[in-house]
Amino acid sequence: MSTIVEKPHLKEEPERPPTRLDALRSLLGQSDLGVLPILLGLVVIWGIFQLANPHFLSARNLTNLLLQAASTGTISIGLVLILLLGEIDLSVGAVSGLCGSIVAVLNVNNGVSGPIAVLAGLLAGLAIGLFQGMWITRFRIPSFIVTLAGLLGWQGTQLLVLGETGTINLRDPFVVGIANTFFPQLIGWLVGIIFVVIVIVSMLLERRQRMAAELPYRSRQAIIFRSALIAAAMIGSIAVLNADRGLPLAVIIFVGLIVLFDLITRRTIFGRHIYAVGGDPEAARRASINVNGIRVAVFGLGSMLAALGGILGESRLFAVNQSSGGSDTLLNAIAAAVIGGTSLFGGFGSVWSALVGALVIFSISNGMDLLALPSDIKFIITGGVLLVAVTIDAISRRMREVRGR
């Protein structure tokens, strides 16, 4: 006679009541608070430096801050793409200096027109990135090693390109106009309106697509809240810029690239493949994704954006020299990406990290310059901020892994 053994009845745990934090997450339309703590930190940084120096929040200084952030921030966009793969590129600073030097030598020393010289610099950056990407994938060498070699090699090439002159002053209207063109107030407001409309339409289209695919999507309240924040930030930014010299072309280029690559990473097959390769390369390979091709393409884009960042930098300074792309360029570009929320472990982050992180890094740098702090203190503080950001990234990654189990 068989005995029936009843399984013990497991009591279901009562559902946790929603907290204020959950409500805020729902309003933001995402599972975590994302960029909100970084923005709050930016407000705190601005408040501290404004109390220390009343000129910090002046229209002139904020415009200069954005111009400083545009060149390194553009480099950081490429680094975000590379970090999403779970890779690193230590050569972007050297590539920016080398490609900027190529533009200057072609334009000033060889009489090549500004647009052609700039195009040559961008193509040189693309070629460097494709070369390094193919070397990494072909010989399966860690990107850290290959790009570290590139950092040294491209610095040497830059010195070779510049020759004995060392410093080249730029005078071509096209080249210097890239970072020194300012649009009148009406153009500034029109660009701001177009930007806000593009972002709102993008959110609405994304919501519709996710609803059709039966995926989690943002609520109407979340979209309204985010749209209001974006509109308020844009109105404030344009008002500040118009109070000085107007909207800079360099800022339009920088923000335009962020919008473009944000759409690419979130709305295209290529972008989804980047996240897939960064999240799990082996699973991506089994899904018939060309993992090596994605890596090569991203390294090419990263170096081309580094070249553009170098061109923006030399345009702002009206010159290029042997130290261009050196010093803390690489550190600031990596710090901007990581502080903005892009994971060093791959598969998590947003192109908007480049903007938010660059604002944080250059707000700190700009504020310390206004306070006339010595270079040693500036490097210590910037390094400390980067260490904190990396630590937060590691903790967030563990929390995501726990939630995914």
Protein backbone atom coordinates (compact mmCIF):
# COMPACT_ATOMS: atom_id res chain seq x y z
CA MET A 1 0.00 0.00 0.00
CA SER A 2 1.56 3.25 -1.16
CA THR A 3 1.63 6.24 1.07
CA ILE A 4 0.87 9.63 -0.36
CA VAL A 5 3.16 12.26 1.06
CA GLU A 6 1.78 15.73 0.84
CA LYS A 7 4.20 18.51 0.04
CA PRO A 8 4.34 21.22 2.66
CA HIS A 9 2.43 24.30 1.66
CA LEU A 10 4.78 27.23 1.11
CA LYS A 11 3.38 30.53 2.23
CA GLU A 12 3.75 33.24 -0.36
CA GLU A 13 5.60 36.27 0.88
CA PRO A 14 3.40 39.35 0.93
CA GLU A 15 4.17 41.76 -1.86
CA ARG A 16 6.33 44.66 -0.73
CA PRO A 17 4.38 47.92 -0.74
CA PRO A 18 5.77 50.50 -3.16
CA THR A 19 8.12 53.07 -1.68
CA ARG A 20 8.80 56.67 -2.65
CA LEU A 21 11.93 55.46 -4.43
CA ASP A 22 9.82 53.06 -6.50
CA ALA A 23 7.49 55.90 -7.38
CA LEU A 24 10.42 58.02 -8.53
CA ARG A 25 11.76 55.14 -10.60
CA SER A 26 8.36 54.71 -12.22
CA LEU A 27 8.18 58.42 -12.97
CA LEU A 28 11.60 58.30 -14.60
CA GLY A 29 10.51 55.30 -16.61
CA GLN A 30 13.42 53.05 -15.72
CA SER A 31 14.35 50.34 -13.27
CA ASP A 32 17.01 52.38 -11.51
CA LEU A 33 17.62 56.04 -10.90
CA GLY A 34 20.16 56.16 -13.72
CA VAL A 35 21.52 59.61 -14.34
CA LEU A 36 19.53 61.40 -11.61
CA PRO A 37 22.20 61.09 -8.85
CA ILE A 38 24.81 62.39 -11.30
CA LEU A 39 22.68 65.43 -12.13
CA LEU A 40 22.12 66.09 -8.43
CA GLY A 41 25.87 65.80 -7.91
CA LEU A 42 26.41 68.29 -10.73
CA VAL A 43 24.05 70.75 -9.02
CA VAL A 44 26.00 70.33 -5.77
CA ILE A 45 29.32 70.90 -7.59
CA TRP A 46 28.01 74.06 -9.21
CA GLY A 47 26.67 75.32 -5.89
CA ILE A 48 29.99 74.76 -4.11
CA PHE A 49 32.06 76.52 -6.78
CA GLN A 50 29.56 79.37 -7.06
CA LEU A 51 29.87 79.99 -3.33
CA ALA A 52 33.67 79.86 -3.64
CA ASN A 53 33.77 82.11 -6.72
CA PRO A 54 30.73 84.16 -7.85
CA HIS A 55 31.99 84.14 -11.45
CA PHE A 56 31.53 80.38 -11.84
CA LEU A 57 27.89 80.52 -12.99
CA SER A 58 28.39 83.57 -15.20
CA ALA A 59 27.33 83.22 -18.83
CA ARG A 60 30.90 83.69 -20.05
CA ASN A 61 32.33 80.98 -17.81
CA LEU A 62 29.55 78.45 -18.51
CA THR A 63 30.02 78.99 -22.26
CA ASN A 64 33.75 78.38 -21.89
CA LEU A 65 32.98 75.29 -19.80
CA LEU A 66 30.80 73.86 -22.59
CA LEU A 67 33.48 74.60 -25.20
CA GLN A 68 36.07 72.81 -23.05
CA ALA A 69 33.74 69.85 -22.60
CA ALA A 70 32.86 69.57 -26.30
CA SER A 71 36.24 68.33 -27.53
CA THR A 72 36.91 65.78 -24.78
CA GLY A 73 33.21 64.87 -24.67
CA THR A 74 33.35 64.00 -28.37
CA ILE A 75 36.27 61.67 -27.65
CA SER A 76 34.23 60.21 -24.79
CA ILE A 77 31.34 59.32 -27.14
CA GLY A 78 33.65 56.92 -28.94
CA LEU A 79 34.90 55.53 -25.64
CA VAL A 80 31.30 54.87 -24.55
CA LEU A 81 30.78 52.71 -27.64
CA ILE A 82 34.02 50.83 -26.93
CA LEU A 83 33.18 50.37 -23.23
CA LEU A 84 29.77 48.98 -24.20
CA LEU A 85 31.72 46.16 -25.87
CA GLY A 86 33.58 45.51 -22.63
CA GLU A 87 36.79 46.78 -24.27
CA ILE A 88 39.04 49.81 -23.69
CA ASP A 89 41.01 52.16 -25.93
CA LEU A 90 43.97 53.85 -24.27
CA SER A 91 45.13 55.46 -27.51
CA VAL A 92 42.26 57.95 -28.04
CA GLY A 93 44.18 60.88 -26.57
CA ALA A 94 47.21 60.23 -28.76
CA VAL A 95 44.98 59.68 -31.80
CA SER A 96 43.24 63.02 -31.20
CA GLY A 97 46.60 64.80 -31.05
CA LEU A 98 47.97 63.02 -34.10
CA CYS A 99 44.91 63.66 -36.29
CA GLY A 100 44.77 67.28 -35.18
CA SER A 101 48.43 67.59 -36.16
CA ILE A 102 47.72 66.04 -39.57
CA VAL A 103 45.02 68.67 -40.18
CA ALA A 104 47.36 71.50 -39.16
CA VAL A 105 50.31 70.31 -41.22
CA LEU A 106 48.21 69.75 -44.33
CA ASN A 107 46.43 73.09 -44.01
CA VAL A 108 49.22 75.40 -42.84
CA ASN A 109 52.41 73.80 -44.15
CA ASN A 110 51.08 72.30 -47.39
CA GLY A 111 48.31 74.70 -48.35
CA VAL A 112 45.52 72.10 -48.39
CA SER A 113 42.06 73.65 -47.98
CA GLY A 114 40.44 73.50 -44.56
CA PRO A 115 37.59 71.08 -45.41
CA ILE A 116 39.94 68.64 -47.19
CA ALA A 117 42.46 68.78 -44.33
CA VAL A 118 39.71 68.09 -41.77
CA LEU A 119 38.40 65.19 -43.86
CA ALA A 120 41.93 63.77 -44.07
CA GLY A 121 42.26 63.99 -40.28
CA LEU A 122 38.96 62.15 -39.76
CA LEU A 123 39.90 59.44 -42.26
CA ALA A 124 43.26 59.02 -40.54
CA GLY A 125 41.45 58.46 -37.25
CA LEU A 126 39.11 55.93 -38.86
CA ALA A 127 42.06 54.06 -40.41
CA ILE A 128 43.87 53.93 -37.06
CA GLY A 129 40.80 52.54 -35.29
CA LEU A 130 40.16 49.91 -37.96
CA PHE A 131 43.83 48.87 -37.83
CA GLN A 132 43.79 48.47 -34.05
CA GLY A 133 40.42 46.71 -34.11
CA MET A 134 41.59 44.19 -36.72
CA TRP A 135 44.82 43.59 -34.79
CA ILE A 136 42.82 42.90 -31.62
CA THR A 137 40.40 40.50 -33.30
CA ARG A 138 42.86 38.82 -35.65
CA PHE A 139 45.49 37.95 -33.04
CA ARG A 140 43.12 37.90 -30.02
CA ILE A 141 45.27 40.30 -28.08
CA PRO A 142 43.58 42.24 -25.25
CA SER A 143 42.55 45.72 -26.37
CA PHE A 144 44.35 47.13 -23.33
CA ILE A 145 47.71 45.96 -24.71
CA VAL A 146 47.12 46.90 -28.34
CA THR A 147 45.85 50.40 -27.54
CA LEU A 148 48.58 50.94 -24.95
CA ALA A 149 51.08 50.26 -27.73
CA GLY A 150 49.04 52.64 -29.89
CA LEU A 151 49.24 55.33 -27.22
CA LEU A 152 53.03 55.25 -27.44
CA GLY A 153 53.26 54.72 -31.18
CA TRP A 154 50.80 57.45 -32.21
CA GLN A 155 52.45 59.93 -29.84
CA GLY A 156 55.73 59.27 -31.60
CA THR A 157 54.03 59.62 -34.98
CA GLN A 158 52.59 62.96 -33.88
CA LEU A 159 56.07 64.26 -33.05
CA LEU A 160 57.26 63.03 -36.45
CA VAL A 161 54.38 64.77 -38.25
CA LEU A 162 54.92 68.07 -36.46
CA GLY A 163 58.66 67.98 -37.04
CA GLU A 164 60.97 70.55 -35.50
CA THR A 165 58.40 73.36 -35.51
CA GLY A 166 56.58 71.89 -32.51
CA THR A 167 53.72 74.40 -32.57
CA ILE A 168 51.56 75.28 -35.57
CA ASN A 169 49.21 78.25 -35.40
CA LEU A 170 45.92 77.92 -37.25
CA ARG A 171 44.49 80.72 -39.34
CA ASP A 172 42.18 79.00 -41.84
CA PRO A 173 38.62 80.35 -41.33
CA PHE A 174 37.05 76.91 -41.78
CA VAL A 175 39.30 75.13 -39.28
CA VAL A 176 39.22 77.80 -36.55
CA GLY A 177 35.54 78.41 -37.19
CA ILE A 178 34.59 74.88 -36.09
CA ALA A 179 34.93 75.84 -32.41
CA ASN A 180 34.77 79.63 -32.69
CA THR A 181 31.52 80.14 -34.58
CA PHE A 182 28.63 81.47 -32.49
CA PHE A 183 25.08 81.68 -33.79
CA PRO A 184 22.68 84.58 -33.04
CA GLN A 185 19.90 84.27 -30.49
CA LEU A 186 17.14 83.33 -32.93
CA ILE A 187 19.18 80.43 -34.34
CA GLY A 188 19.95 79.30 -30.80
CA TRP A 189 16.26 79.13 -29.85
CA LEU A 190 15.35 77.33 -33.11
CA VAL A 191 18.06 74.71 -32.54
CA GLY A 192 16.86 74.25 -28.96
CA ILE A 193 13.26 73.73 -30.06
CA ILE A 194 14.30 71.24 -32.76
CA PHE A 195 16.39 69.32 -30.24
CA VAL A 196 13.53 69.05 -27.73
CA VAL A 197 11.08 67.95 -30.45
CA ILE A 198 13.47 65.25 -31.70
CA VAL A 199 13.97 63.85 -28.20
CA ILE A 200 10.23 63.81 -27.40
CA VAL A 201 9.31 62.20 -30.73
CA SER A 202 12.03 59.60 -30.18
CA MET A 203 10.59 58.72 -26.75
CA LEU A 204 7.06 58.45 -28.15
CA LEU A 205 8.17 56.22 -31.03
CA GLU A 206 10.15 54.02 -28.65
CA ARG A 207 7.09 53.71 -26.39
CA ARG A 208 4.89 52.69 -29.32
CA GLN A 209 7.39 50.10 -30.53
CA ARG A 210 7.81 48.58 -27.08
CA MET A 211 4.04 48.44 -26.60
CA ALA A 212 3.66 46.66 -29.94
CA ALA A 213 6.38 44.17 -28.95
CA GLU A 214 4.76 43.68 -25.50
CA LEU A 215 7.89 44.92 -23.74
CA PRO A 216 8.06 47.21 -20.69
CA TYR A 217 7.55 50.80 -21.73
CA ARG A 218 7.50 54.26 -20.18
CA SER A 219 4.21 55.60 -18.91
CA ARG A 220 2.73 58.84 -20.23
CA GLN A 221 3.54 60.48 -16.91
CA ALA A 222 7.18 59.43 -17.24
CA ILE A 223 7.42 60.85 -20.76
CA ILE A 224 5.77 64.12 -19.69
CA PHE A 225 8.13 64.40 -16.71
CA ARG A 226 11.24 63.71 -18.77
CA SER A 227 10.08 66.05 -21.53
CA ALA A 228 9.57 68.83 -19.00
CA LEU A 229 13.06 68.29 -17.57
CA ILE A 230 14.64 68.27 -21.03
CA ALA A 231 12.75 71.40 -22.10
CA ALA A 232 13.70 73.23 -18.90
CA ALA A 233 17.37 72.26 -19.28
CA MET A 234 17.38 73.38 -22.92
CA ILE A 235 15.68 76.72 -22.17
CA GLY A 236 18.21 77.41 -19.42
CA SER A 237 21.16 76.41 -21.59
CA ILE A 238 20.14 78.52 -24.58
CA ALA A 239 19.38 81.50 -22.33
CA VAL A 240 22.85 81.29 -20.76
CA LEU A 241 24.60 80.92 -24.12
CA ASN A 242 22.64 83.81 -25.65
CA ALA A 243 23.64 85.97 -22.69
CA ASP A 244 27.26 85.56 -23.79
CA ARG A 245 28.24 85.09 -27.44
CA GLY A 246 25.43 82.83 -28.62
CA LEU A 247 25.14 79.12 -29.37
CA PRO A 248 28.58 77.68 -30.33
CA LEU A 249 28.89 75.44 -33.37
CA ALA A 250 31.13 73.10 -31.35
CA VAL A 251 28.30 72.48 -28.86
CA ILE A 252 25.87 71.77 -31.73
CA ILE A 253 28.34 69.23 -33.14
CA PHE A 254 28.86 67.58 -29.74
CA VAL A 255 25.19 67.32 -28.77
CA GLY A 256 24.21 66.38 -32.33
CA LEU A 257 26.64 63.46 -32.26
CA ILE A 258 25.19 62.33 -28.93
CA VAL A 259 21.65 62.36 -30.34
CA LEU A 260 22.82 60.54 -33.49
CA PHE A 261 24.71 57.78 -31.71
CA ASP A 262 21.99 57.43 -29.08
CA LEU A 263 19.54 56.70 -31.89
CA ILE A 264 22.04 54.30 -33.48
CA THR A 265 22.67 52.36 -30.28
CA ARG A 266 19.02 52.16 -29.22
CA ARG A 267 17.11 51.99 -32.50
CA THR A 268 19.26 50.06 -34.99
CA ILE A 269 20.36 46.45 -35.38
CA PHE A 270 24.01 47.57 -35.24
CA GLY A 271 23.38 49.25 -31.87
CA ARG A 272 21.63 46.20 -30.43
CA HIS A 273 24.53 44.07 -31.57
CA ILE A 274 26.95 46.32 -29.68
CA TYR A 275 25.04 45.71 -26.44
CA ALA A 276 24.76 41.99 -27.20
CA VAL A 277 28.51 41.61 -27.78
CA GLY A 278 29.28 43.61 -24.64
CA GLY A 279 26.80 41.64 -22.53
CA ASP A 280 27.88 38.13 -23.60
CA PRO A 281 30.20 37.70 -26.62
CA GLU A 282 29.74 33.93 -26.75
CA ALA A 283 25.95 34.18 -26.73
CA ALA A 284 26.16 36.87 -29.41
CA ARG A 285 28.32 34.58 -31.55
CA ARG A 286 25.80 31.75 -31.16
CA ALA A 287 23.10 34.17 -32.28
CA SER A 288 25.01 34.57 -35.57
CA ILE A 289 26.24 38.07 -34.76
CA ASN A 290 29.53 38.98 -36.43
CA VAL A 291 31.32 39.68 -33.15
CA ASN A 292 34.68 40.52 -34.72
CA GLY A 293 33.07 42.77 -37.31
CA ILE A 294 31.21 44.70 -34.60
CA ARG A 295 34.42 45.15 -32.63
CA VAL A 296 36.40 46.39 -35.62
CA ALA A 297 33.64 48.82 -36.62
CA VAL A 298 33.31 50.23 -33.11
CA PHE A 299 37.06 50.74 -32.73
CA GLY A 300 37.03 52.53 -36.09
CA LEU A 301 34.21 54.83 -34.97
CA GLY A 302 35.92 55.42 -31.61
CA SER A 303 39.16 56.59 -33.22
CA MET A 304 37.33 58.75 -35.77
CA LEU A 305 35.46 60.48 -32.94
CA ALA A 306 38.80 60.90 -31.15
CA ALA A 307 40.13 62.59 -34.29
CA LEU A 308 37.13 64.93 -34.36
CA GLY A 309 37.67 65.72 -30.69
CA GLY A 310 41.28 66.63 -31.44
CA ILE A 311 40.17 68.89 -34.30
CA LEU A 312 37.64 70.64 -32.03
CA GLY A 313 40.36 71.13 -29.43
CA GLU A 314 42.90 72.66 -31.80
CA SER A 315 40.19 74.84 -33.35
CA ARG A 316 39.28 76.24 -29.93
CA LEU A 317 42.93 76.98 -29.09
CA PHE A 318 43.88 78.23 -32.62
CA ALA A 319 46.94 75.96 -32.50
CA VAL A 320 48.29 72.44 -32.22
CA ASN A 321 51.54 71.40 -30.58
CA GLN A 322 53.46 68.41 -29.29
CA SER A 323 51.36 68.20 -26.12
CA SER A 324 48.01 68.17 -27.96
CA GLY A 325 46.04 65.07 -26.95
CA GLY A 326 48.38 64.42 -24.06
CA SER A 327 48.29 65.38 -20.39
CA ASP A 328 44.90 64.43 -18.90
CA THR A 329 42.94 64.07 -22.17
CA LEU A 330 42.68 60.28 -21.93
CA LEU A 331 41.87 60.36 -18.21
CA ASN A 332 39.13 62.93 -18.68
CA ALA A 333 37.59 61.07 -21.63
CA ILE A 334 37.44 57.78 -19.70
CA ALA A 335 36.24 59.53 -16.55
CA ALA A 336 33.43 61.27 -18.43
CA ALA A 337 32.14 57.96 -19.83
CA VAL A 338 32.32 56.12 -16.50
CA ILE A 339 31.02 58.97 -14.33
CA GLY A 340 28.12 59.35 -16.75
CA GLY A 341 27.06 55.76 -16.05
CA THR A 342 28.67 53.56 -18.73
CA SER A 343 29.86 50.27 -17.25
CA LEU A 344 33.50 49.23 -17.58
CA PHE A 345 32.29 45.63 -17.77
CA GLY A 346 30.35 46.07 -21.01
CA GLY A 347 26.73 45.82 -22.09
CA PHE A 348 25.33 48.64 -19.94
CA GLY A 349 25.31 52.39 -20.46
CA SER A 350 24.17 55.18 -22.74
CA VAL A 351 25.81 57.62 -25.13
CA TRP A 352 24.35 60.41 -22.97
CA SER A 353 27.01 59.39 -20.42
CA ALA A 354 29.50 61.39 -22.48
CA LEU A 355 27.53 64.61 -22.00
CA VAL A 356 26.71 64.23 -18.32
CA GLY A 357 30.15 62.93 -17.40
CA ALA A 358 31.94 65.64 -19.38
CA LEU A 359 29.89 68.31 -17.59
CA VAL A 360 30.88 66.84 -14.22
CA ILE A 361 34.59 66.51 -15.08
CA PHE A 362 34.96 69.96 -16.62
CA SER A 363 32.83 71.63 -13.98
CA ILE A 364 35.32 70.35 -11.41
CA SER A 365 38.30 71.30 -13.58
CA ASN A 366 36.90 74.72 -14.42
CA GLY A 367 36.00 75.46 -10.82
CA MET A 368 39.46 74.49 -9.60
CA ASP A 369 41.01 76.73 -12.26
CA LEU A 370 38.93 79.66 -11.05
CA LEU A 371 40.14 78.95 -7.52
CA ALA A 372 43.73 78.80 -8.82
CA LEU A 373 44.34 75.37 -7.26
CA PRO A 374 47.72 73.78 -8.13
CA SER A 375 47.91 70.99 -10.71
CA ASP A 376 48.74 68.32 -8.12
CA ILE A 377 45.51 68.98 -6.23
CA LYS A 378 43.52 68.98 -9.48
CA PHE A 379 44.90 65.59 -10.51
CA ILE A 380 44.25 64.12 -7.05
CA ILE A 381 40.64 65.31 -6.99
CA THR A 382 39.92 64.15 -10.56
CA GLY A 383 41.47 60.76 -9.84
CA GLY A 384 39.39 60.46 -6.68
CA VAL A 385 36.20 61.25 -8.58
CA LEU A 386 37.06 58.58 -11.17
CA LEU A 387 37.77 56.01 -8.42
CA VAL A 388 34.39 56.71 -6.82
CA ALA A 389 32.65 56.37 -10.19
CA VAL A 390 34.34 53.03 -10.93
CA THR A 391 33.43 51.76 -7.45
CA ILE A 392 29.80 52.73 -7.96
CA ASP A 393 29.88 50.98 -11.34
CA ALA A 394 31.17 47.76 -9.75
CA ILE A 395 28.53 47.86 -6.99
CA SER A 396 25.76 48.57 -9.51
CA ARG A 397 26.91 45.63 -11.61
CA ARG A 398 26.69 43.29 -8.65
CA MET A 399 23.21 44.58 -7.82
CA ARG A 400 22.08 44.00 -11.43
CA GLU A 401 23.46 40.45 -11.30
CA VAL A 402 21.57 39.78 -8.04
CA ARG A 403 18.32 41.14 -9.50
CA GLY A 404 18.83 39.00 -12.61
CA ARG A 405 19.06 35.74 -10.65
